[in-house]
Protein backbone atom coordinates (compact mmCIF):
# COMPACT_ATOMS: atom_id res chain seq x y z
CA MET A 1 70.06 194.62 117.32
CA ARG A 2 71.62 191.40 118.60
CA PRO A 3 74.93 191.78 120.49
CA TRP A 4 76.82 189.45 118.13
CA LEU A 5 75.61 191.32 115.05
CA LYS A 6 76.49 194.73 116.46
CA ALA A 7 79.92 193.56 117.60
CA GLY A 8 80.53 191.73 114.31
CA LEU A 9 79.76 194.81 112.25
CA ILE A 10 82.00 197.00 114.39
CA GLY A 11 84.78 194.40 114.39
CA GLY A 12 84.42 193.94 110.63
CA GLY A 13 84.73 197.69 110.11
CA VAL A 14 87.86 197.87 112.25
CA LEU A 15 89.40 194.86 110.51
CA ALA A 16 88.53 196.24 107.07
CA LEU A 17 90.17 199.57 107.92
CA LEU A 18 93.32 197.88 109.20
CA THR A 19 93.42 195.62 106.13
CA ILE A 20 93.09 198.60 103.79
CA LEU A 21 95.87 200.47 105.59
CA THR A 22 98.14 197.41 105.47
CA ASN A 23 97.53 196.90 101.75
CA LEU A 24 98.06 200.56 100.96
CA GLY A 25 101.36 200.33 102.80
CA THR A 26 102.60 197.80 100.25
CA LEU A 27 102.52 200.51 97.60
CA LEU A 28 105.14 202.50 99.52
CA PRO A 29 108.88 201.79 99.55
CA SER A 30 109.75 198.51 101.27
CA GLY A 31 111.26 200.09 104.41
CA VAL A 32 108.17 202.19 105.06
CA SER A 33 105.90 199.27 104.17
CA THR A 34 107.62 197.07 106.75
CA ILE A 35 107.23 199.69 109.47
CA ILE A 36 103.54 200.16 108.67
CA SER A 37 102.92 196.39 108.67
CA CYS A 38 104.70 196.02 112.02
CA CYS A 39 102.73 198.88 113.58
CA LEU A 40 99.41 197.44 112.39
CA CYS A 41 100.17 193.83 113.33
CA ILE A 42 99.25 194.03 117.03
CA PRO A 43 95.98 195.96 116.51
CA LEU A 44 95.05 193.53 113.75
CA LEU A 45 95.60 190.52 116.02
CA LEU A 46 93.75 192.14 118.95
CA ALA A 47 90.75 193.05 116.81
CA TYR A 48 89.63 189.41 116.56
CA PRO A 49 89.29 188.60 120.27
CA GLY A 50 88.18 192.18 120.84
CA THR A 51 85.19 191.57 118.59
CA GLY A 52 84.18 188.54 120.65
CA ALA A 53 84.74 190.40 123.91
CA LEU A 54 82.53 193.24 122.69
CA ALA A 55 79.74 190.78 121.86
CA ALA A 56 80.02 189.23 125.32
CA TYR A 57 80.10 192.67 126.96
CA TRP A 58 76.75 193.52 125.40
CA LEU A 59 75.13 190.32 126.70
CA THR A 60 72.49 190.73 129.37
CA PRO A 61 73.97 189.87 132.81
CA PRO A 62 74.58 187.42 134.31
CA ARG A 63 77.02 186.38 131.61
CA MET A 64 78.17 182.79 131.23
CA ALA A 65 81.39 181.73 129.48
CA GLY A 66 79.55 179.39 127.08
CA GLU A 67 77.09 182.08 126.03
CA GLY A 68 79.95 184.56 125.64
CA ALA A 69 81.85 182.11 123.45
CA LYS A 70 78.78 181.56 121.26
CA GLU A 71 78.15 185.28 120.83
CA GLY A 72 81.86 185.89 120.20
CA ALA A 73 82.01 183.17 117.56
CA LEU A 74 78.97 184.60 115.76
CA ALA A 75 80.48 188.09 115.88
CA GLY A 76 83.72 186.60 114.55
CA ILE A 77 81.91 185.13 111.56
CA ILE A 78 80.49 188.53 110.64
CA ALA A 79 83.83 190.31 111.15
CA GLY A 80 85.75 187.62 109.25
CA VAL A 81 83.38 187.70 106.27
CA ILE A 82 83.57 191.50 106.03
CA ASP A 83 87.37 191.42 106.23
CA GLY A 84 87.58 188.57 103.69
CA VAL A 85 85.43 190.43 101.17
CA VAL A 86 87.50 193.59 101.59
CA SER A 87 90.74 191.61 101.20
CA THR A 88 89.53 189.97 97.99
CA ILE A 89 88.40 193.27 96.50
CA LEU A 90 91.76 194.84 97.39
CA ALA A 91 93.59 191.91 95.77
CA LEU A 92 91.62 192.43 92.56
CA ILE A 93 92.23 196.18 92.57
CA MET A 94 95.94 195.83 93.31
CA GLY A 95 96.27 193.16 90.63
CA ALA A 96 94.58 195.37 88.06
CA ALA A 97 96.77 198.31 89.07
CA GLY A 98 99.92 196.26 88.51
CA ALA A 99 101.05 196.40 92.14
CA TYR A 100 101.89 192.69 92.15
CA GLN A 101 104.05 193.04 89.08
CA GLN A 102 105.89 195.90 90.77
CA MET A 103 106.50 193.75 93.85
CA LEU A 104 107.63 190.78 91.74
CA SER A 105 110.10 192.96 89.87
CA GLN A 106 111.91 193.53 93.17
CA LEU A 107 112.53 189.79 93.67
CA PRO A 108 115.90 188.34 92.66
CA PRO A 109 115.83 186.51 89.30
CA GLU A 110 116.79 183.17 90.91
CA THR A 111 113.72 183.40 93.16
CA LEU A 112 111.46 183.95 90.15
CA ARG A 113 113.07 180.97 88.37
CA ALA A 114 112.53 178.79 91.45
CA LEU A 115 108.85 179.78 91.54
CA GLU A 116 108.48 178.90 87.86
CA GLU A 117 110.18 175.53 88.36
CA MET A 118 107.79 174.72 91.22
CA GLY A 119 104.82 175.67 89.04
CA LEU A 120 103.81 178.56 91.29
CA SER A 121 104.36 181.40 88.83
CA SER A 122 100.67 181.39 87.85
CA LEU A 123 99.74 182.33 91.42
CA TYR A 124 101.44 185.69 90.96
CA THR A 125 98.94 186.97 88.43
CA SER A 126 95.84 189.02 89.22
CA GLY A 127 93.62 185.93 89.16
CA GLY A 128 96.08 183.88 91.19
CA MET A 129 96.35 186.56 93.84
CA ALA A 130 92.56 186.84 94.00
CA ALA A 131 92.33 183.06 94.46
CA LEU A 132 94.96 183.19 97.20
CA SER A 133 93.03 186.03 98.80
CA CYS A 134 89.84 183.93 98.80
CA VAL A 135 91.65 181.02 100.47
CA GLY A 136 93.16 183.47 102.95
CA GLY A 137 89.69 184.90 103.57
CA ILE A 138 88.33 181.45 104.44
CA CYS A 139 91.25 180.87 106.84
CA GLY A 140 90.63 184.37 108.22
CA ILE A 141 86.99 183.53 108.94
CA LEU A 142 88.02 180.39 110.82
CA TRP A 143 90.61 182.39 112.78
CA ALA A 144 88.01 185.10 113.53
CA VAL A 145 85.54 182.51 114.83
CA ALA A 146 88.14 180.91 117.11
CA MET A 147 89.51 184.19 118.44
CA GLY A 148 86.04 185.74 118.76
CA ALA A 149 84.88 182.75 120.78
CA ALA A 150 87.95 182.95 123.00
CA GLY A 151 87.51 186.69 123.56
CA GLY A 152 83.81 186.27 124.32
CA ALA A 153 84.38 183.40 126.75
CA ILE A 154 87.16 185.21 128.59
CA LEU A 155 85.19 188.42 129.02
CA ALA A 156 81.98 186.64 130.00
CA ALA A 157 83.83 184.57 132.62
CA ALA A 158 85.67 187.60 133.97
CA LYS A 159 82.71 189.99 134.01
CA ARG A 160 79.65 187.98 135.03
CA ASP A 161 77.55 190.94 136.22
């Protein structure tokens, strides 16, 4: 199996698990949810360059920074797509379960009125949240490619042999 594919699948699995845990945390009371999100933030951010670094690590020595960046970017695409699909599915499930309505009910009434006046109230439906999740997934793929390439280039340059 190619290094970028192996690293991308592992990185995608790690990102999917962290995404699931973060989304499940939103179903808990807000204080606990905030703590869970904060605790998962650093591992979530490190998983992207870690995926690229893993792809570069599995390259046959001698490693070059350019080759490491390419392998890291390819691994990032795989990891980002897996995480984007999981995020979209979770958005659909949470929307069907009424989790978004529960979260919206905790907002002050003046905030809800402001959202309606700006024409953004339709985004806070199940379909709107799924659409936002798809846009977020595309941005996540771009972020995963950039961070995967950076992680791969750094590791390949640091560990040539």
